[in-house]
Amino acid sequence: MASPLDLPTLSLGDKVKERRIQERLASLCLSPERVQKVRDVFLEEMELGLASAPTKKSSLQMENTFIPELPDGSENGEYLALDLGGTNFRVIYIKYQDGSVVEEFVDYYHVEEPIRLGPGEVLFDFLADCIADFTKRRNLDTKQLPLGFTFSFPMTQKSLDVGILVSWTKSFNCPGVVGEDAVQMLSEAINRKGLKVEVVAVLNDTTGTLVQGAFLDRRCAIGMILGTGSNGCYIEHVERIEKWKGEHKEKEVIIDIEWGAFGDNGVLDFIKTEWDRAVDQESLLVNSFTYEKYFGGKYLGDLVRHVLLTLTKEGLYCGPASVLSKQGTLTTSLVSRMEKEAFEGKTTETLEALQKIGLNASEEHAAIAQYVAGLLSYRGIQLVCVPTGELLKRMSKNHCAIAIDGSLYEHHPRFKVLMEKLLKDFAPSYGFNLFLARDGSGKGAALAAAIAERLQRQT
């Protein structure tokens, strides 16, 4: 029976076949030397991303979120949060009393394709319509409410309430928004509807996870998304942010790393395999979001599929190749199930799942699939832990709580336990704990609005 902490092993009874498969997939195993090189490159990209006059462009955005404080237990009042990042979005109401949630409502709305692809003004008018619907039905329309806006797309922030869209991602492509301030466009739509709502903070889901994490554990200083994609943020000393010019009273601020795009400039090509390239070529945004394509939930299943397709073509797996040629045939949830069974010393569910999708699989083939899933999962967790370990060392806290949101972390049986082991290896002098902080994109946005109000009172 395997352990989530162990490197995957293959035992087929056919030593020749075992060796051929292991040798063929050796490029998926990151040696200590290659892990160290990833670490070195990450540190270099971080410094370039923070520099005022970088010698070359970094693949890490290192965006200043302009959030200089975290929840401190003094939160009081009523707040709205708007969470936009996919085809479904939410309007949320939260009431805080002495740092505790005493009332909470949430409604879900679907953004149809014509709105996701139509003019930007139409999108923001739709969002304002939904806010109007929510506040009226909840009898909140007579109250003046601050709103925190989770806008989970790449943006450049100029202040806590200014977010310039860099590019649309996912299924959105509204003309007239790239290069514009999303907060201003939302505020104008809100004003057109005559709503008593003021947008006071904009952030993404990763920043929201850190803020919500700090609400749950005051020691929290790192926020992370491990779901369909991946990103991280942390608390940085202002004096280290060279590109943030001028005098600032803040001592620390949350930096949104945008590490999903780490390697978009080619600096990580030394770990890129033929299967990574195949997944990238099939993706909607080729040569973008390089890092998250190594392990993100949107891609992990297809990585396993491409490896099995190669083994099939080389006579080492079952096929038929036509089944494995279809994008999405193997899902990341199936990879999680394979991993769970591998740790239990079983192949029953794995075999049934492989046969269900049309593969001529035997127990031997189920074992091979589990081995491939294990290799790719292990590599992915190594890659998550490299930047995380460097952040622990950079902040040099005696203990740092790390808030994580996302289905990959929540449901994959290897992620939490192996992350704990590898982080102890990568940053041995620093205490930490990992914890699931659900709904940073919602509750974190409401907390960001509360922080924005507190900052306004201090000026």
Protein backbone atom coordinates (compact mmCIF):
# COMPACT_ATOMS: atom_id res chain seq x y z
CA MET A 1 0.00 0.00 0.00
CA ALA A 2 1.43 3.37 -1.07
CA SER A 3 1.60 6.55 1.00
CA PRO A 4 0.72 10.06 -0.25
CA LEU A 5 4.20 11.09 0.90
CA ASP A 6 6.01 8.59 -1.32
CA LEU A 7 7.26 8.98 -4.84
CA PRO A 8 5.01 6.82 -7.07
CA THR A 9 6.26 3.32 -7.84
CA LEU A 10 5.21 0.84 -10.52
CA SER A 11 4.85 -2.87 -9.87
CA LEU A 12 3.51 -4.95 -12.77
CA GLY A 13 5.26 -8.28 -12.45
CA ASP A 14 6.81 -7.60 -15.86
CA LYS A 15 10.14 -6.00 -15.00
CA VAL A 16 11.02 -5.19 -18.61
CA LYS A 17 7.75 -3.33 -19.16
CA GLU A 18 8.10 -1.56 -15.83
CA ARG A 19 11.56 -0.33 -16.75
CA ARG A 20 10.47 0.82 -20.22
CA ILE A 21 7.60 2.85 -18.77
CA GLN A 22 9.71 4.33 -15.98
CA GLU A 23 12.42 5.35 -18.43
CA ARG A 24 9.87 6.81 -20.85
CA LEU A 25 8.33 8.97 -18.12
CA ALA A 26 11.55 9.99 -16.38
CA SER A 27 11.15 13.60 -17.55
CA LEU A 28 8.14 13.94 -15.22
CA CYS A 29 10.37 13.44 -12.18
CA LEU A 30 11.92 16.66 -10.89
CA SER A 31 15.42 16.08 -9.54
CA PRO A 32 16.67 18.16 -6.60
CA GLU A 33 18.78 20.10 -9.09
CA ARG A 34 15.79 20.99 -11.25
CA VAL A 35 13.72 21.92 -8.19
CA GLN A 36 16.54 24.24 -7.14
CA LYS A 37 16.59 25.79 -10.61
CA VAL A 38 12.83 26.41 -10.46
CA ARG A 39 13.40 28.07 -7.08
CA ASP A 40 16.19 30.27 -8.44
CA VAL A 41 14.13 31.31 -11.45
CA PHE A 42 11.12 32.12 -9.26
CA LEU A 43 13.21 34.39 -7.04
CA GLU A 44 14.67 36.17 -10.06
CA GLU A 45 11.20 36.67 -11.58
CA MET A 46 9.89 38.01 -8.26
CA GLU A 47 12.61 40.63 -8.06
CA LEU A 48 12.04 41.63 -11.69
CA GLY A 49 8.32 41.91 -11.00
CA LEU A 50 8.93 44.23 -8.03
CA ALA A 51 11.64 46.33 -9.71
CA SER A 52 11.01 49.92 -10.79
CA ALA A 53 13.16 49.54 -13.92
CA PRO A 54 13.53 45.80 -14.63
CA THR A 55 16.20 44.71 -17.08
CA LYS A 56 13.62 42.42 -18.71
CA LYS A 57 9.93 41.65 -18.35
CA SER A 58 8.96 39.24 -15.59
CA SER A 59 6.34 36.53 -16.02
CA LEU A 60 5.18 37.35 -12.47
CA GLN A 61 2.92 40.39 -12.31
CA MET A 62 3.63 41.05 -8.58
CA GLU A 63 0.63 43.33 -8.41
CA ASN A 64 0.12 45.72 -5.50
CA THR A 65 -3.41 45.17 -4.17
CA PHE A 66 -3.29 48.33 -2.00
CA ILE A 67 -4.61 46.32 0.94
CA PRO A 68 -2.28 47.33 3.81
CA GLU A 69 -4.24 45.79 6.67
CA LEU A 70 -6.07 42.57 7.44
CA PRO A 71 -9.19 41.91 9.54
CA ASP A 72 -8.51 42.78 13.18
CA GLY A 73 -11.73 41.74 14.91
CA SER A 74 -13.21 45.24 14.92
CA GLU A 75 -15.38 44.72 11.83
CA ASN A 76 -18.86 46.17 12.29
CA GLY A 77 -21.49 47.03 9.75
CA GLU A 78 -23.31 45.82 6.67
CA TYR A 79 -21.54 45.10 3.39
CA LEU A 80 -22.22 43.80 -0.10
CA ALA A 81 -19.84 41.63 -2.10
CA LEU A 82 -19.96 40.95 -5.82
CA ASP A 83 -18.09 37.87 -7.06
CA LEU A 84 -17.51 37.77 -10.82
CA GLY A 85 -15.11 35.26 -12.33
CA GLY A 86 -17.16 32.76 -14.29
CA THR A 87 -20.49 32.10 -15.93
CA ASN A 88 -22.22 32.16 -12.55
CA PHE A 89 -21.68 35.05 -10.19
CA ARG A 90 -22.96 35.99 -6.78
CA VAL A 91 -24.26 38.96 -4.86
CA ILE A 92 -23.64 38.59 -1.13
CA TYR A 93 -24.74 40.52 1.94
CA ILE A 94 -22.82 40.12 5.21
CA LYS A 95 -23.38 41.87 8.52
CA TYR A 96 -20.49 41.95 11.00
CA GLN A 97 -20.71 42.67 14.69
CA ASP A 98 -17.49 42.95 16.69
CA GLY A 99 -15.60 40.88 14.13
CA SER A 100 -18.19 38.11 13.80
CA VAL A 101 -20.67 37.34 11.03
CA VAL A 102 -24.18 37.74 12.43
CA GLU A 103 -26.17 37.71 9.18
CA GLU A 104 -25.46 36.53 5.65
CA PHE A 105 -27.43 36.23 2.38
CA VAL A 106 -26.27 35.10 -1.06
CA ASP A 107 -27.97 34.88 -4.46
CA TYR A 108 -26.59 33.36 -7.67
CA TYR A 109 -27.04 34.77 -11.16
CA HIS A 110 -26.11 33.29 -14.54
CA VAL A 111 -24.24 35.39 -17.10
CA GLU A 112 -25.47 34.29 -20.52
CA GLU A 113 -23.03 34.09 -23.43
CA PRO A 114 -24.36 37.19 -25.26
CA ILE A 115 -23.56 39.21 -22.12
CA ARG A 116 -20.14 37.59 -21.66
CA LEU A 117 -19.21 38.43 -25.25
CA GLY A 118 -21.20 41.63 -25.76
CA PRO A 119 -20.25 45.27 -25.08
CA GLY A 120 -18.72 45.97 -21.68
CA GLU A 121 -21.39 48.49 -20.76
CA VAL A 122 -24.05 45.78 -21.21
CA LEU A 123 -22.16 43.45 -18.84
CA PHE A 124 -21.89 46.08 -16.11
CA ASP A 125 -25.52 47.13 -16.54
CA PHE A 126 -26.45 43.47 -16.06
CA LEU A 127 -24.39 43.31 -12.85
CA ALA A 128 -26.11 46.46 -11.59
CA ASP A 129 -29.51 44.94 -12.44
CA CYS A 130 -28.63 41.91 -10.34
CA ILE A 131 -27.54 44.10 -7.42
CA ALA A 132 -30.85 45.97 -7.71
CA ASP A 133 -32.78 42.71 -7.73
CA PHE A 134 -30.85 41.41 -4.72
CA THR A 135 -31.18 44.53 -2.58
CA LYS A 136 -34.89 44.94 -3.34
CA ARG A 137 -35.80 41.32 -2.56
CA ARG A 138 -33.74 41.40 0.63
CA ASN A 139 -35.25 44.74 1.71
CA LEU A 140 -31.83 46.39 1.59
CA ASP A 141 -32.56 48.97 -1.10
CA THR A 142 -33.04 51.85 1.34
CA LYS A 143 -29.62 51.38 2.97
CA GLN A 144 -26.32 52.93 1.86
CA LEU A 145 -24.08 49.87 1.43
CA PRO A 146 -20.33 49.62 0.71
CA LEU A 147 -19.45 46.92 -1.82
CA GLY A 148 -16.33 44.80 -2.29
CA PHE A 149 -15.89 43.67 -5.90
CA THR A 150 -14.13 40.37 -6.60
CA PHE A 151 -13.09 40.70 -10.25
CA SER A 152 -11.12 37.54 -10.97
CA PHE A 153 -9.40 38.58 -14.16
CA PRO A 154 -5.85 39.90 -14.66
CA MET A 155 -5.84 43.56 -13.68
CA THR A 156 -3.48 46.34 -12.72
CA GLN A 157 -4.46 48.20 -9.57
CA LYS A 158 -3.84 51.89 -9.05
CA SER A 159 -5.51 51.98 -5.65
CA LEU A 160 -7.78 49.80 -3.52
CA ASP A 161 -10.75 50.89 -5.62
CA VAL A 162 -9.19 51.05 -9.09
CA GLY A 163 -8.64 47.90 -11.17
CA ILE A 164 -7.58 48.21 -14.82
CA LEU A 165 -8.43 45.07 -16.82
CA VAL A 166 -5.33 43.65 -18.53
CA SER A 167 -7.07 40.89 -20.46
CA TRP A 168 -10.22 38.84 -20.38
CA THR A 169 -9.87 35.13 -19.62
CA LYS A 170 -12.16 32.11 -19.24
CA SER A 171 -15.36 32.61 -21.27
CA PHE A 172 -15.46 36.43 -21.20
CA ASN A 173 -14.50 38.75 -24.04
CA CYS A 174 -16.47 41.97 -23.74
CA PRO A 175 -15.25 44.76 -26.04
CA GLY A 176 -14.51 48.12 -24.49
CA VAL A 177 -13.25 46.94 -21.10
CA VAL A 178 -9.57 45.98 -21.56
CA GLY A 179 -7.52 48.95 -20.41
CA GLU A 180 -10.46 50.41 -18.50
CA ASP A 181 -11.19 50.60 -14.78
CA ALA A 182 -13.69 47.85 -13.91
CA VAL A 183 -14.67 49.67 -10.71
CA GLN A 184 -15.52 52.85 -12.57
CA MET A 185 -17.59 50.94 -15.14
CA LEU A 186 -19.49 49.13 -12.39
CA SER A 187 -19.97 52.35 -10.41
CA GLU A 188 -21.36 54.13 -13.48
CA ALA A 189 -23.81 51.27 -14.04
CA ILE A 190 -24.84 51.39 -10.37
CA ASN A 191 -25.41 55.14 -10.65
CA ARG A 192 -27.51 54.68 -13.79
CA LYS A 193 -29.79 52.44 -11.72
CA GLY A 194 -29.91 54.93 -8.86
CA LEU A 195 -28.71 52.36 -6.31
CA LYS A 196 -27.43 53.29 -2.85
CA VAL A 197 -24.28 51.23 -3.29
CA GLU A 198 -20.65 52.39 -3.37
CA VAL A 199 -17.82 50.20 -4.71
CA VAL A 200 -15.01 50.72 -2.20
CA ALA A 201 -12.62 47.83 -2.96
CA VAL A 202 -11.65 45.59 -5.88
CA LEU A 203 -9.66 42.37 -5.55
CA ASN A 204 -9.33 38.90 -7.02
CA ASP A 205 -10.17 35.52 -5.47
CA THR A 206 -6.60 34.89 -4.31
CA THR A 207 -6.38 38.13 -2.36
CA GLY A 208 -9.85 37.43 -1.01
CA THR A 209 -8.66 34.04 0.23
CA LEU A 210 -5.83 35.67 2.20
CA VAL A 211 -8.21 38.24 3.69
CA GLN A 212 -10.78 35.59 4.60
CA GLY A 213 -7.94 33.41 5.91
CA ALA A 214 -6.78 36.20 8.22
CA PHE A 215 -10.35 36.54 9.49
CA LEU A 216 -10.23 32.85 10.47
CA ASP A 217 -6.60 32.79 11.68
CA ARG A 218 -4.79 36.04 12.55
CA ARG A 219 -1.44 34.42 11.67
CA CYS A 220 -2.42 34.10 8.00
CA ALA A 221 0.00 35.81 5.61
CA ILE A 222 -0.29 33.69 2.42
CA GLY A 223 -3.38 33.12 0.29
CA MET A 224 -3.54 30.52 -2.44
CA ILE A 225 -5.91 29.16 -5.05
CA LEU A 226 -5.54 25.48 -5.95
CA GLY A 227 -8.53 24.72 -8.11
CA THR A 228 -9.19 24.96 -11.83
CA GLY A 229 -6.17 27.26 -11.96
CA SER A 230 -3.68 28.50 -9.40
CA ASN A 231 -2.35 31.71 -7.90
CA GLY A 232 -0.76 32.97 -4.72
CA CYS A 233 -0.44 36.20 -2.74
CA TYR A 234 1.46 37.23 0.38
CA ILE A 235 2.25 40.15 2.66
CA GLU A 236 5.24 42.19 1.50
CA HIS A 237 7.19 45.01 3.16
CA VAL A 238 6.52 48.23 1.24
CA GLU A 239 10.22 49.11 1.24
CA ARG A 240 10.88 46.07 -0.97
CA ILE A 241 8.45 47.18 -3.67
CA GLU A 242 10.72 49.30 -5.84
CA LYS A 243 8.06 50.02 -8.46
CA TRP A 244 5.71 51.57 -5.87
CA LYS A 245 7.11 55.07 -6.01
CA GLY A 246 6.52 57.92 -3.58
CA GLU A 247 6.03 58.18 0.14
CA HIS A 248 3.64 55.73 1.79
CA LYS A 249 2.53 55.47 5.38
CA GLU A 250 1.82 51.77 4.94
CA LYS A 251 4.49 49.36 6.13
CA GLU A 252 3.12 46.23 4.51
CA VAL A 253 0.76 45.41 1.67
CA ILE A 254 -0.68 42.29 0.02
CA ILE A 255 1.07 41.43 -3.23
CA ASP A 256 -0.83 39.39 -5.82
CA ILE A 257 1.85 37.30 -7.52
CA GLU A 258 -0.22 35.94 -10.43
CA TRP A 259 1.97 32.84 -10.47
CA GLY A 260 -0.38 31.01 -12.81
CA ALA A 261 1.54 32.79 -15.59
CA PHE A 262 4.99 31.94 -14.16
CA GLY A 263 7.08 30.79 -17.12
CA ASP A 264 5.05 32.47 -19.87
CA ASN A 265 8.32 34.10 -20.97
CA GLY A 266 10.07 30.74 -21.39
CA VAL A 267 12.07 30.68 -18.16
CA LEU A 268 10.58 27.30 -17.18
CA ASP A 269 10.96 25.56 -20.52
CA PHE A 270 13.62 23.32 -18.97
CA ILE A 271 10.89 21.36 -17.14
CA LYS A 272 8.34 21.39 -19.96
CA THR A 273 7.66 17.95 -21.40
CA GLU A 274 6.05 16.90 -24.66
CA TRP A 275 2.82 16.27 -22.72
CA ASP A 276 2.83 19.77 -21.23
CA ARG A 277 3.21 21.17 -24.72
CA ALA A 278 0.33 19.04 -26.00
CA VAL A 279 -1.99 20.28 -23.23
CA ASP A 280 -0.93 23.87 -23.90
CA GLN A 281 -1.64 23.54 -27.62
CA GLU A 282 -5.17 22.32 -26.86
CA SER A 283 -5.87 25.15 -24.42
CA LEU A 284 -7.85 28.29 -25.19
CA LEU A 285 -4.88 30.56 -24.43
CA VAL A 286 -1.77 28.95 -25.89
CA ASN A 287 1.56 30.01 -24.33
CA SER A 288 -0.28 31.61 -21.41
CA PHE A 289 -0.77 30.55 -17.77
CA THR A 290 2.18 28.19 -18.12
CA TYR A 291 2.63 27.35 -14.44
CA GLU A 292 -0.95 26.41 -13.64
CA LYS A 293 -1.01 24.13 -16.69
CA TYR A 294 1.52 21.88 -14.94
CA PHE A 295 -0.96 20.96 -12.20
CA GLY A 296 -4.20 22.98 -12.26
CA GLY A 297 -7.50 21.14 -12.04
CA LYS A 298 -8.41 22.23 -15.54
CA TYR A 299 -5.36 20.45 -16.96
CA LEU A 300 -4.25 17.57 -14.70
CA GLY A 301 -6.69 15.04 -16.19
CA ASP A 302 -5.61 15.89 -19.73
CA LEU A 303 -1.94 15.59 -18.76
CA VAL A 304 -2.60 12.03 -17.58
CA ARG A 305 -4.55 11.36 -20.78
CA HIS A 306 -1.72 12.56 -23.02
CA VAL A 307 0.86 10.42 -21.21
CA LEU A 308 -1.38 7.34 -21.52
CA LEU A 309 -1.93 8.17 -25.20
CA THR A 310 1.82 8.20 -25.77
CA LEU A 311 2.23 4.87 -23.96
CA THR A 312 -0.59 3.43 -26.08
CA LYS A 313 1.05 4.52 -29.33
CA GLU A 314 4.32 2.96 -28.16
CA GLY A 315 2.68 -0.38 -27.27
CA LEU A 316 2.88 0.07 -23.50
CA TYR A 317 -0.78 0.77 -22.77
CA CYS A 318 -4.19 -0.53 -23.83
CA GLY A 319 -5.97 2.07 -25.92
CA PRO A 320 -7.74 2.50 -28.19
CA ALA A 321 -5.86 5.68 -29.05
CA SER A 322 -9.05 7.27 -30.40
CA VAL A 323 -10.52 7.38 -26.87
CA LEU A 324 -7.41 9.00 -25.41
CA SER A 325 -7.23 11.52 -28.25
CA LYS A 326 -10.35 13.32 -27.03
CA GLN A 327 -9.76 16.33 -24.78
CA GLY A 328 -11.53 15.98 -21.44
CA THR A 329 -11.86 12.20 -21.57
CA LEU A 330 -9.97 11.90 -18.29
CA THR A 331 -10.94 14.42 -15.61
CA THR A 332 -8.99 15.67 -12.63
CA SER A 333 -11.66 14.24 -10.33
CA LEU A 334 -10.83 10.83 -11.82
CA VAL A 335 -7.13 11.48 -11.14
CA SER A 336 -8.04 12.12 -7.49
CA ARG A 337 -9.96 8.83 -7.36
CA MET A 338 -7.01 6.98 -8.91
CA GLU A 339 -4.70 8.44 -6.29
CA LYS A 340 -7.05 7.49 -3.45
CA GLU A 341 -7.23 3.90 -4.65
CA ALA A 342 -3.48 3.70 -5.11
CA PHE A 343 -2.99 4.61 -1.45
CA GLU A 344 -5.51 1.91 -0.51
CA GLY A 345 -3.72 -0.72 -2.61
CA LYS A 346 -6.77 -1.14 -4.87
CA THR A 347 -7.56 -0.79 -8.59
CA THR A 348 -11.30 -1.57 -8.67
CA GLU A 349 -12.73 1.92 -9.20
CA THR A 350 -9.84 2.95 -11.45
CA LEU A 351 -10.41 -0.08 -13.69
CA GLU A 352 -14.16 0.51 -13.84
CA ALA A 353 -13.66 4.19 -14.73
CA LEU A 354 -11.14 3.39 -17.49
CA GLN A 355 -13.44 0.78 -19.00
CA LYS A 356 -16.42 3.15 -18.75
CA ILE A 357 -14.72 5.72 -20.97
CA GLY A 358 -14.02 3.03 -23.57
CA LEU A 359 -10.51 1.74 -22.82
CA ASN A 360 -9.70 -1.96 -23.07
CA ALA A 361 -8.19 -1.83 -19.61
CA SER A 362 -7.03 -4.62 -17.31
CA GLU A 363 -5.82 -4.43 -13.72
CA GLU A 364 -2.31 -3.92 -15.08
CA HIS A 365 -3.51 -0.94 -17.09
CA ALA A 366 -5.26 0.46 -14.01
CA ALA A 367 -1.97 0.23 -12.12
CA ILE A 368 -0.16 2.07 -14.92
CA ALA A 369 -2.80 4.81 -14.92
CA GLN A 370 -2.40 5.19 -11.15
CA TYR A 371 1.36 5.44 -11.60
CA VAL A 372 1.00 8.19 -14.22
CA ALA A 373 -1.53 10.05 -12.06
CA GLY A 374 0.87 9.78 -9.12
CA LEU A 375 3.86 11.09 -11.07
CA LEU A 376 1.97 14.13 -12.36
CA SER A 377 0.37 14.86 -8.98
CA TYR A 378 3.70 14.60 -7.18
CA ARG A 379 5.37 16.92 -9.70
CA GLY A 380 2.51 19.39 -9.37
CA ILE A 381 2.77 19.53 -5.60
CA GLN A 382 6.51 20.04 -5.82
CA LEU A 383 5.87 23.00 -8.12
CA VAL A 384 3.26 24.47 -5.75
CA CYS A 385 5.64 24.15 -2.81
CA VAL A 386 8.62 25.87 -4.46
CA PRO A 387 7.12 29.41 -4.46
CA THR A 388 5.30 28.78 -1.19
CA GLY A 389 8.53 27.78 0.55
CA GLU A 390 10.26 30.88 -0.79
CA LEU A 391 7.46 33.09 0.53
CA LEU A 392 7.82 31.54 3.99
CA LYS A 393 11.54 32.33 3.95
CA ARG A 394 11.03 35.82 2.52
CA MET A 395 8.56 36.86 5.23
CA SER A 396 10.59 35.15 7.99
CA LYS A 397 7.68 34.80 10.39
CA ASN A 398 7.91 32.44 13.34
CA HIS A 399 4.64 30.93 12.19
CA CYS A 400 2.58 31.58 9.08
CA ALA A 401 -0.92 30.29 8.42
CA ILE A 402 -1.53 29.55 4.73
CA ALA A 403 -5.13 29.89 3.54
CA ILE A 404 -6.02 27.79 0.50
CA ASP A 405 -9.22 27.64 -1.52
CA GLY A 406 -10.03 25.40 -4.46
CA SER A 407 -11.32 21.97 -5.35
CA LEU A 408 -7.88 20.53 -6.15
CA TYR A 409 -6.63 21.16 -2.63
CA GLU A 410 -9.93 20.14 -1.05
CA HIS A 411 -10.46 16.86 -2.90
CA HIS A 412 -7.11 15.52 -4.11
CA PRO A 413 -5.89 13.02 -1.46
CA ARG A 414 -2.20 13.85 -1.87
CA PHE A 415 -2.09 17.66 -1.85
CA LYS A 416 -2.40 18.63 1.81
CA VAL A 417 -0.22 15.92 3.36
CA LEU A 418 2.51 16.09 0.74
CA MET A 419 2.54 19.89 0.79
CA GLU A 420 3.10 19.77 4.55
CA LYS A 421 6.04 17.39 4.09
CA LEU A 422 7.70 19.25 1.21
CA LEU A 423 7.30 22.68 2.80
CA LYS A 424 9.11 21.40 5.88
CA ASP A 425 11.91 20.30 3.55
CA PHE A 426 11.93 23.52 1.51
CA ALA A 427 11.64 25.97 4.46
CA PRO A 428 12.76 23.97 7.51
CA SER A 429 13.26 26.94 9.83
CA TYR A 430 9.75 28.36 9.54
CA GLY A 431 6.55 27.16 11.18
CA PHE A 432 3.34 27.06 9.16
CA ASN A 433 -0.06 25.46 8.92
CA LEU A 434 -2.26 24.88 5.89
CA PHE A 435 -6.00 25.30 6.09
CA LEU A 436 -8.98 25.39 3.78
CA ALA A 437 -10.51 28.87 3.59
CA ARG A 438 -13.64 28.49 1.51
CA ASP A 439 -15.19 31.41 -0.31
CA GLY A 440 -12.44 33.98 -0.22
CA SER A 441 -13.94 35.39 -3.40
CA GLY A 442 -17.16 36.17 -1.54
CA LYS A 443 -16.51 36.70 2.14
CA GLY A 444 -13.04 38.09 1.40
CA ALA A 445 -14.59 40.81 -0.76
CA ALA A 446 -16.97 41.85 2.02
CA LEU A 447 -14.04 41.98 4.45
CA ALA A 448 -12.05 44.06 1.95
CA ALA A 449 -14.95 46.54 1.92
CA ALA A 450 -14.82 46.65 5.73
CA ILE A 451 -11.07 47.26 5.62
CA ALA A 452 -11.57 50.03 3.04
CA GLU A 453 -14.06 51.74 5.33
CA ARG A 454 -11.65 51.48 8.25
CA LEU A 455 -8.88 53.04 6.16
CA GLN A 456 -11.19 55.89 5.16
CA ARG A 457 -11.96 56.62 8.79
CA GLN A 458 -8.23 56.79 9.54
CA THR A 459 -7.56 59.51 6.94
